[in-house]
Amino acid sequence: MRPRQSGFTLVELLLAITLMGLLLALAYGGLRAAWKASDSGQDMLEQSGKLRITHQFIRKQLNLMLPLAFETNEEQGGERIVFEGGAGQVIFVGPMPGYLARGGPQVQLLQLVDGRDGLDLQFMNAPLQDFELELLNDVEPVVLLEGLNSAAFEFLELDELGQPLGWVSDWATPSILPAAVRLNLQFPDGYSVHWPELVATARLDATAVSGGTTGAETYSQRIQDMIRRSSDPQDTN
């Protein structure tokens, strides 16, 4: 009589293989979901970091606007142009961080242009000394943000008494600085981060083209207080 051999039947083997396949599929699904979550979180961190750096850079550069002329308007009797602004761009003079530029004050251009996936916000600068507008055409633009759904600059006007008149999309007095510059923009639906409100106030008196100016911090704080009061109807003080 032949001895009985131990082992698995074909049915048991097929059942084990099926169960193993199910476990591997579940494990792979879990790993794939974890990879996607990790990639999504990494993308969100990168977007958030880029947005924060861009927001801080634009605010700082606009805060440091100087009432220095980068051009004269001969048609207006040699009027000094210290600031030009519209919904799509702003041009002004200000210092740059030392690691980005050298040679004193820089003419700076923030411009909205049509990009591949929407509007792009780009930045260019050139030294104020011997400056001509054509020089900016030779500068390679730095793209700060891309794929915007909509974007526009606005400027705060003051009356003769220094009180806010309201926000306008076209700066009509290039011989003086606006009291404040606001940048509104929207990302496409589904974008994972939000653009914080950006209202940059000039640290120097907007009417100061030459000569003495009011204290930088005092003037900036006064403009910020006026903006806050004008946007809060309950604040009557």
Protein backbone atom coordinates (compact mmCIF):
# COMPACT_ATOMS: atom_id res chain seq x y z
CA MET A 1 0.00 0.00 0.00
CA ARG A 2 1.46 3.30 -1.08
CA PRO A 3 1.79 5.96 1.68
CA ARG A 4 -0.52 9.00 1.49
CA GLN A 5 1.28 12.16 0.35
CA SER A 6 0.55 15.49 2.09
CA GLY A 7 0.11 18.76 0.12
CA PHE A 8 -2.38 21.25 -1.29
CA THR A 9 -5.09 20.46 -3.72
CA LEU A 10 -5.49 22.43 -6.91
CA VAL A 11 -8.57 24.17 -5.52
CA GLU A 12 -6.71 25.26 -2.39
CA LEU A 13 -3.81 26.55 -4.46
CA LEU A 14 -6.10 28.58 -6.72
CA LEU A 15 -7.92 29.99 -3.68
CA ALA A 16 -4.62 31.03 -2.06
CA ILE A 17 -3.44 32.70 -5.25
CA THR A 18 -6.75 34.56 -5.55
CA LEU A 19 -6.57 35.79 -1.95
CA MET A 20 -2.96 36.85 -2.42
CA GLY A 21 -3.92 38.76 -5.57
CA LEU A 22 -6.70 40.57 -3.70
CA LEU A 23 -4.36 41.51 -0.87
CA LEU A 24 -1.73 42.78 -3.31
CA ALA A 25 -4.37 44.82 -5.16
CA LEU A 26 -5.57 46.37 -1.90
CA ALA A 27 -2.01 47.12 -0.82
CA TYR A 28 -1.19 48.67 -4.21
CA GLY A 29 -4.36 50.78 -4.07
CA GLY A 30 -3.43 52.05 -0.62
CA LEU A 31 0.11 52.89 -1.69
CA ARG A 32 -1.12 54.63 -4.82
CA ALA A 33 -3.56 56.73 -2.77
CA ALA A 34 -0.75 57.61 -0.38
CA TRP A 35 1.50 58.63 -3.27
CA LYS A 36 -1.23 60.83 -4.74
CA ALA A 37 -1.89 62.45 -1.36
CA SER A 38 1.84 63.04 -0.90
CA ASP A 39 2.19 64.56 -4.38
CA SER A 40 -0.90 66.71 -3.86
CA GLY A 41 0.41 67.92 -0.50
CA GLN A 42 3.81 68.67 -2.01
CA ASP A 43 2.21 70.62 -4.86
CA MET A 44 0.12 72.60 -2.38
CA LEU A 45 3.18 73.43 -0.30
CA GLU A 46 5.08 74.56 -3.39
CA GLN A 47 2.17 76.70 -4.59
CA SER A 48 1.67 78.18 -1.14
CA GLY A 49 5.38 78.94 -0.76
CA LYS A 50 5.63 80.56 -4.19
CA LEU A 51 2.50 82.60 -3.52
CA ARG A 52 3.77 83.80 -0.15
CA ILE A 53 7.17 84.82 -1.56
CA THR A 54 5.56 86.63 -4.51
CA HIS A 55 3.06 88.42 -2.25
CA GLN A 56 5.81 89.59 0.11
CA PHE A 57 8.08 90.68 -2.74
CA ILE A 58 5.41 92.76 -4.51
CA ARG A 59 4.21 94.36 -1.27
CA LYS A 60 7.76 95.26 -0.22
CA GLN A 61 8.70 96.75 -3.59
CA LEU A 62 5.53 98.85 -3.72
CA ASN A 63 6.03 99.95 -0.11
CA LEU A 64 9.49 101.23 -1.06
CA MET A 65 8.38 103.34 -4.04
CA LEU A 66 10.43 106.53 -4.32
CA PRO A 67 9.27 109.89 -5.77
CA LEU A 68 12.09 109.87 -8.32
CA ALA A 69 11.43 110.65 -11.97
CA PHE A 70 12.34 108.02 -14.54
CA GLU A 71 11.05 110.06 -17.51
CA THR A 72 9.87 113.53 -18.46
CA ASN A 73 6.81 114.34 -20.52
CA GLU A 74 7.93 116.95 -23.03
CA GLU A 75 4.35 117.42 -24.26
CA GLN A 76 3.41 118.57 -20.76
CA GLY A 77 6.20 121.09 -20.39
CA GLY A 78 8.77 118.64 -19.08
CA GLU A 79 6.52 117.16 -16.38
CA ARG A 80 8.39 114.69 -14.20
CA ILE A 81 6.98 111.17 -14.34
CA VAL A 82 7.51 109.25 -11.12
CA PHE A 83 4.74 106.67 -11.46
CA GLU A 84 2.68 105.19 -14.28
CA GLY A 85 -0.12 102.79 -13.61
CA GLY A 86 -3.07 101.10 -15.23
CA ALA A 87 -5.08 97.97 -14.66
CA GLY A 88 -2.45 95.93 -16.49
CA GLN A 89 0.86 97.35 -15.26
CA VAL A 90 2.73 99.70 -12.94
CA ILE A 91 6.09 101.42 -13.43
CA PHE A 92 7.90 103.05 -10.52
CA VAL A 93 11.33 103.66 -9.00
CA GLY A 94 12.57 101.97 -5.88
CA PRO A 95 15.46 100.08 -4.32
CA MET A 96 16.03 96.41 -5.03
CA PRO A 97 17.43 93.79 -2.66
CA GLY A 98 21.20 93.83 -2.91
CA TYR A 99 21.42 90.25 -4.12
CA LEU A 100 19.11 91.01 -7.08
CA ALA A 101 20.45 94.30 -8.42
CA ARG A 102 23.21 96.84 -7.93
CA GLY A 103 23.78 100.41 -8.92
CA GLY A 104 21.30 102.45 -6.89
CA PRO A 105 17.56 102.92 -7.51
CA GLN A 106 15.92 100.72 -10.12
CA VAL A 107 13.00 101.38 -12.46
CA GLN A 108 10.64 98.49 -11.83
CA LEU A 109 7.82 97.16 -14.00
CA LEU A 110 5.06 94.83 -12.84
CA GLN A 111 3.04 93.74 -15.85
CA LEU A 112 0.13 91.42 -16.63
CA VAL A 113 0.47 89.64 -19.96
CA ASP A 114 -1.37 86.85 -21.78
CA GLY A 115 0.23 83.51 -21.00
CA ARG A 116 -0.27 79.93 -22.09
CA ASP A 117 -2.95 79.11 -19.51
CA GLY A 118 -4.27 82.59 -18.67
CA LEU A 119 -2.71 85.79 -17.40
CA ASP A 120 0.90 85.86 -16.22
CA LEU A 121 2.33 88.41 -13.80
CA GLN A 122 5.90 89.29 -14.71
CA PHE A 123 8.56 91.61 -13.31
CA MET A 124 11.37 93.56 -14.96
CA ASN A 125 13.84 96.16 -13.70
CA ALA A 126 16.63 98.38 -15.01
CA PRO A 127 18.95 100.95 -13.37
CA LEU A 128 17.53 104.47 -13.06
CA GLN A 129 20.78 106.04 -14.22
CA ASP A 130 20.59 106.80 -17.96
CA PHE A 131 17.26 104.99 -18.08
CA GLU A 132 15.08 104.83 -21.18
CA LEU A 133 11.84 102.88 -21.48
CA GLU A 134 13.28 100.91 -24.39
CA LEU A 135 15.78 99.35 -21.99
CA LEU A 136 13.01 97.28 -20.42
CA ASN A 137 12.43 95.59 -23.78
CA ASP A 138 15.93 94.13 -23.54
CA VAL A 139 15.37 92.71 -20.04
CA GLU A 140 14.36 89.07 -19.63
CA PRO A 141 11.12 89.14 -17.61
CA VAL A 142 10.78 87.14 -14.42
CA VAL A 143 7.43 85.35 -14.27
CA LEU A 144 6.11 85.71 -10.72
CA LEU A 145 2.71 84.06 -11.20
CA GLU A 146 1.15 82.28 -14.15
CA GLY A 147 -2.18 80.85 -15.19
CA LEU A 148 -4.27 83.58 -13.50
CA ASN A 149 -7.98 83.73 -14.20
CA SER A 150 -8.15 87.51 -13.77
CA ALA A 151 -5.97 90.28 -12.31
CA ALA A 152 -5.87 94.08 -12.11
CA PHE A 153 -4.05 96.90 -10.32
CA GLU A 154 -5.93 99.71 -8.58
CA PHE A 155 -4.74 103.00 -7.09
CA LEU A 156 -5.96 105.08 -4.16
CA GLU A 157 -6.66 108.75 -4.90
CA LEU A 158 -6.61 111.47 -2.25
CA ASP A 159 -8.36 114.84 -2.33
CA GLU A 160 -6.72 118.19 -1.60
CA LEU A 161 -7.18 117.61 2.13
CA GLY A 162 -5.48 114.24 1.98
CA GLN A 163 -8.67 112.22 2.38
CA PRO A 164 -9.32 109.11 0.24
CA LEU A 165 -11.48 109.63 -2.84
CA GLY A 166 -11.60 105.97 -3.83
CA TRP A 167 -9.83 103.35 -5.91
CA VAL A 168 -9.25 103.91 -9.63
CA SER A 169 -7.90 101.57 -12.31
CA ASP A 170 -5.93 104.27 -14.18
CA TRP A 171 -3.48 106.61 -12.44
CA ALA A 172 -4.00 110.06 -13.97
CA THR A 173 -1.29 112.06 -12.15
CA PRO A 174 2.07 110.51 -13.03
CA SER A 175 3.99 113.34 -11.37
CA ILE A 176 3.14 111.99 -7.90
CA LEU A 177 2.93 108.60 -6.26
CA PRO A 178 -0.44 107.06 -5.44
CA ALA A 179 -1.16 106.80 -1.75
CA ALA A 180 -1.64 103.05 -2.11
CA VAL A 181 -1.62 100.33 -4.75
CA ARG A 182 -3.90 97.32 -4.66
CA LEU A 183 -3.51 94.11 -6.66
CA ASN A 184 -6.61 91.98 -7.12
CA LEU A 185 -6.28 88.59 -8.75
CA GLN A 186 -8.11 85.31 -8.99
CA PHE A 187 -6.87 81.82 -9.71
CA PRO A 188 -8.83 79.30 -11.76
CA ASP A 189 -11.41 77.12 -10.03
CA GLY A 190 -9.86 74.26 -8.16
CA TYR A 191 -6.64 76.08 -7.35
CA SER A 192 -5.48 74.90 -3.94
CA VAL A 193 -4.35 78.25 -2.47
CA HIS A 194 -5.86 81.69 -1.97
CA TRP A 195 -4.30 85.08 -2.76
CA PRO A 196 -4.29 87.24 0.40
CA GLU A 197 -5.41 90.84 0.03
CA LEU A 198 -2.53 93.01 -1.16
CA VAL A 199 -2.74 96.73 -0.41
CA ALA A 200 0.68 98.41 -0.37
CA THR A 201 0.97 101.94 0.96
CA ALA A 202 3.75 104.29 -0.06
CA ARG A 203 6.05 105.02 2.86
CA LEU A 204 6.76 108.53 1.57
CA ASP A 205 4.23 111.30 1.13
CA ALA A 206 2.56 110.77 -2.25
CA THR A 207 2.87 114.50 -3.03
CA ALA A 208 6.59 114.62 -2.29
CA VAL A 209 8.42 114.86 -5.59
CA SER A 210 11.40 116.73 -4.18
CA GLY A 211 12.42 118.39 -0.98
CA GLY A 212 11.22 117.44 2.48
CA THR A 213 8.80 114.59 3.11
CA THR A 214 6.67 113.53 6.00
CA GLY A 215 7.91 110.76 8.25
CA ALA A 216 7.76 107.47 6.38
CA GLU A 217 6.14 105.39 9.10
CA THR A 218 3.75 108.20 10.10
CA TYR A 219 2.53 108.72 6.55
CA SER A 220 2.19 105.01 5.83
CA GLN A 221 0.25 104.42 9.05
CA ARG A 222 -2.06 107.35 8.31
CA ILE A 223 -2.91 105.98 4.86
CA GLN A 224 -3.52 102.51 6.28
CA ASP A 225 -5.85 103.95 8.92
CA MET A 226 -7.79 105.85 6.25
CA ILE A 227 -8.12 102.71 4.12
CA ARG A 228 -9.37 100.77 7.11
CA ARG A 229 -11.91 103.44 8.05
CA SER A 230 -13.16 103.84 4.48
CA SER A 231 -13.73 100.08 4.16
CA ASP A 232 -15.48 99.80 7.54
CA PRO A 233 -18.73 101.83 7.58
CA GLN A 234 -19.16 101.17 11.30
CA ASP A 235 -15.92 102.92 12.14
CA THR A 236 -16.77 106.63 12.39
CA ASN A 237 -13.94 107.71 14.63
